Amino acid sequence: MPIYEYQCCSCKECFEKLVFGSNPEVACPKCGSKETEKRLSKFGMGRSSTGTGGSSGCGGCSSSSCAGCK
């Protein structure tokens, strides 16, 4: 089962979730919102990057990692 990274569009919390199935409904563990976006994981890309810039799907983050969202 794959573990995906998500970001909540309501509170901007970044979190990981073990998912079962192809299109699971994922709720934020902090606020409970179901408005979440799957993030592109650097680990999933198969290489390390230290570049800056990037984007999340919900537009609340302009960082390339969740550390910049907090």
N, C-alpha and C. Protein backbone atom coordinates (compact mmCIF):
# COMPACT_ATOMS: atom_id res chain seq x y z
N MET A 1 0.83 -1.17 0.00
CA MET A 1 0.00 0.00 0.00
C MET A 1 0.89 1.25 0.00
N PRO A 2 0.64 2.17 -0.89
CA PRO A 2 1.49 3.37 -0.95
C PRO A 2 1.13 4.39 0.14
N ILE A 3 2.15 5.12 0.56
CA ILE A 3 1.96 6.24 1.47
C ILE A 3 2.09 7.50 0.63
N TYR A 4 1.09 8.36 0.69
CA TYR A 4 1.10 9.60 -0.07
C TYR A 4 1.22 10.79 0.87
N GLU A 5 1.77 11.89 0.35
CA GLU A 5 1.82 13.15 1.08
C GLU A 5 0.64 13.99 0.63
N TYR A 6 0.00 14.66 1.59
CA TYR A 6 -1.15 15.51 1.32
C TYR A 6 -0.96 16.86 2.00
N GLN A 7 -1.69 17.86 1.52
CA GLN A 7 -1.77 19.15 2.18
C GLN A 7 -3.23 19.54 2.25
N CYS A 8 -3.65 19.99 3.42
CA CYS A 8 -5.02 20.44 3.62
C CYS A 8 -5.18 21.83 3.02
N CYS A 9 -6.22 22.03 2.26
CA CYS A 9 -6.47 23.34 1.65
C CYS A 9 -7.10 24.32 2.64
N SER A 10 -7.63 23.81 3.75
CA SER A 10 -8.24 24.68 4.76
C SER A 10 -7.22 25.23 5.75
N CYS A 11 -6.46 24.34 6.38
CA CYS A 11 -5.53 24.78 7.44
C CYS A 11 -4.06 24.69 7.02
N LYS A 12 -3.79 24.20 5.81
CA LYS A 12 -2.43 24.10 5.24
C LYS A 12 -1.56 23.05 5.92
N GLU A 13 -2.14 22.19 6.74
CA GLU A 13 -1.39 21.11 7.38
C GLU A 13 -0.89 20.13 6.32
N CYS A 14 0.37 19.73 6.43
CA CYS A 14 0.94 18.72 5.55
C CYS A 14 1.03 17.41 6.33
N PHE A 15 0.66 16.31 5.70
CA PHE A 15 0.64 15.03 6.39
C PHE A 15 0.79 13.90 5.40
N GLU A 16 1.12 12.71 5.91
CA GLU A 16 1.23 11.50 5.09
C GLU A 16 0.08 10.58 5.44
N LYS A 17 -0.35 9.79 4.46
CA LYS A 17 -1.48 8.88 4.68
C LYS A 17 -1.24 7.60 3.89
N LEU A 18 -1.41 6.48 4.56
CA LEU A 18 -1.38 5.17 3.91
C LEU A 18 -2.76 4.99 3.28
N VAL A 19 -2.80 4.79 1.97
CA VAL A 19 -4.09 4.74 1.28
C VAL A 19 -4.39 3.35 0.74
N PHE A 20 -5.65 3.00 0.77
CA PHE A 20 -6.14 1.74 0.25
C PHE A 20 -7.12 2.08 -0.87
N GLY A 21 -6.91 1.55 -2.05
CA GLY A 21 -7.78 1.85 -3.18
C GLY A 21 -7.20 2.92 -4.07
N SER A 22 -7.83 3.13 -5.21
CA SER A 22 -7.26 4.05 -6.19
C SER A 22 -7.69 5.51 -5.99
N ASN A 23 -8.82 5.76 -5.34
CA ASN A 23 -9.29 7.13 -5.18
C ASN A 23 -9.90 7.32 -3.79
N PRO A 24 -9.06 7.26 -2.75
CA PRO A 24 -9.60 7.35 -1.39
C PRO A 24 -9.98 8.78 -1.01
N GLU A 25 -10.93 8.91 -0.10
CA GLU A 25 -11.27 10.21 0.45
C GLU A 25 -10.38 10.40 1.67
N VAL A 26 -9.57 11.45 1.66
CA VAL A 26 -8.59 11.68 2.72
C VAL A 26 -8.96 12.93 3.50
N ALA A 27 -9.08 12.79 4.82
CA ALA A 27 -9.40 13.93 5.68
C ALA A 27 -8.15 14.39 6.42
N CYS A 28 -8.07 15.67 6.67
CA CYS A 28 -6.95 16.26 7.40
C CYS A 28 -7.00 15.81 8.86
N PRO A 29 -5.88 15.32 9.39
CA PRO A 29 -5.87 14.88 10.79
C PRO A 29 -5.95 16.04 11.78
N LYS A 30 -5.66 17.26 11.34
CA LYS A 30 -5.66 18.42 12.23
C LYS A 30 -7.05 19.06 12.34
N CYS A 31 -7.68 19.33 11.19
CA CYS A 31 -8.97 20.04 11.22
C CYS A 31 -10.15 19.20 10.73
N GLY A 32 -9.86 18.04 10.12
CA GLY A 32 -10.93 17.16 9.65
C GLY A 32 -11.48 17.48 8.28
N SER A 33 -10.98 18.53 7.64
CA SER A 33 -11.46 18.90 6.31
C SER A 33 -11.14 17.80 5.30
N LYS A 34 -12.04 17.60 4.37
CA LYS A 34 -11.81 16.63 3.30
C LYS A 34 -11.31 17.30 2.03
N GLU A 35 -11.04 18.61 2.10
CA GLU A 35 -10.47 19.34 0.98
C GLU A 35 -8.95 19.25 1.09
N THR A 36 -8.40 18.17 0.55
CA THR A 36 -6.96 17.92 0.60
C THR A 36 -6.43 17.73 -0.81
N GLU A 37 -5.17 18.02 -0.98
CA GLU A 37 -4.51 17.85 -2.26
C GLU A 37 -3.32 16.92 -2.10
N LYS A 38 -3.19 15.97 -3.01
CA LYS A 38 -2.03 15.09 -3.01
C LYS A 38 -0.82 15.89 -3.47
N ARG A 39 0.29 15.74 -2.76
CA ARG A 39 1.51 16.47 -3.09
C ARG A 39 2.50 15.55 -3.77
N LEU A 40 3.34 16.12 -4.59
CA LEU A 40 4.39 15.37 -5.25
C LEU A 40 5.54 15.21 -4.27
N SER A 41 5.86 13.99 -3.92
CA SER A 41 6.90 13.70 -2.96
C SER A 41 8.26 13.68 -3.64
N LYS A 42 9.26 14.29 -3.01
CA LYS A 42 10.62 14.23 -3.55
C LYS A 42 11.11 12.79 -3.54
N PHE A 43 10.72 12.03 -2.52
CA PHE A 43 11.08 10.62 -2.45
C PHE A 43 10.48 9.87 -3.63
N GLY A 44 9.26 10.16 -3.97
CA GLY A 44 8.58 9.51 -5.09
C GLY A 44 9.18 9.86 -6.44
N MET A 45 9.91 10.97 -6.49
CA MET A 45 10.53 11.38 -7.75
C MET A 45 11.81 10.60 -8.00
N GLY A 46 12.35 9.94 -6.96
CA GLY A 46 13.53 9.12 -7.13
C GLY A 46 14.84 9.88 -7.14
N ARG A 47 14.82 11.16 -6.74
CA ARG A 47 16.06 11.91 -6.66
C ARG A 47 15.90 13.00 -5.61
N SER A 48 17.01 13.49 -5.16
CA SER A 48 17.01 14.56 -4.16
C SER A 48 17.17 15.89 -4.87
N SER A 49 16.48 16.90 -4.37
CA SER A 49 16.57 18.22 -4.97
C SER A 49 16.65 19.26 -3.87
N THR A 50 17.49 20.25 -4.06
CA THR A 50 17.58 21.34 -3.10
C THR A 50 17.14 22.65 -3.72
N GLY A 51 16.54 22.60 -4.88
CA GLY A 51 16.09 23.81 -5.54
C GLY A 51 14.96 24.46 -4.78
N THR A 52 14.72 25.73 -5.08
CA THR A 52 13.62 26.43 -4.43
C THR A 52 12.50 26.61 -5.42
N GLY A 53 11.39 26.99 -4.88
CA GLY A 53 10.21 27.18 -5.71
C GLY A 53 9.47 25.88 -5.86
N GLY A 54 8.24 25.98 -6.23
CA GLY A 54 7.39 24.81 -6.35
C GLY A 54 5.98 25.26 -6.15
N SER A 55 5.10 24.30 -6.08
CA SER A 55 3.71 24.68 -5.90
C SER A 55 2.92 23.51 -5.40
N SER A 56 1.97 23.79 -4.55
CA SER A 56 1.03 22.77 -4.13
C SER A 56 -0.22 22.91 -4.98
N GLY A 57 -1.05 21.92 -4.95
CA GLY A 57 -2.25 21.94 -5.76
C GLY A 57 -3.28 22.95 -5.30
N CYS A 58 -3.28 23.36 -4.03
CA CYS A 58 -4.34 24.24 -3.55
C CYS A 58 -3.91 25.70 -3.49
N GLY A 59 -2.71 26.02 -3.93
CA GLY A 59 -2.30 27.40 -4.05
C GLY A 59 -1.92 28.08 -2.75
N GLY A 60 -1.92 27.39 -1.63
CA GLY A 60 -1.59 28.02 -0.37
C GLY A 60 -0.11 27.95 -0.05
N CYS A 61 0.65 27.28 -0.86
CA CYS A 61 2.05 27.06 -0.54
C CYS A 61 2.90 27.32 -1.79
N SER A 62 3.95 28.09 -1.63
CA SER A 62 4.84 28.32 -2.77
C SER A 62 6.20 27.68 -2.53
N SER A 63 6.28 26.83 -1.53
CA SER A 63 7.52 26.17 -1.18
C SER A 63 7.59 24.81 -1.84
N SER A 64 8.80 24.26 -1.95
CA SER A 64 8.94 22.94 -2.53
C SER A 64 8.85 21.85 -1.48
N SER A 65 8.65 22.23 -0.21
CA SER A 65 8.47 21.23 0.85
C SER A 65 7.44 21.74 1.84
N CYS A 66 6.86 20.84 2.60
CA CYS A 66 5.85 21.21 3.58
C CYS A 66 6.44 22.06 4.70
N ALA A 67 7.76 22.01 4.91
CA ALA A 67 8.37 22.81 5.96
C ALA A 67 8.16 24.31 5.71
N GLY A 68 8.04 24.69 4.45
CA GLY A 68 7.81 26.11 4.13
C GLY A 68 6.38 26.56 4.33
N CYS A 69 5.47 25.62 4.58
CA CYS A 69 4.05 25.95 4.75
C CYS A 69 3.72 26.38 6.17
N LYS A 70 4.57 26.10 7.09
CA LYS A 70 4.24 26.31 8.51
C LYS A 70 4.63 27.66 9.00
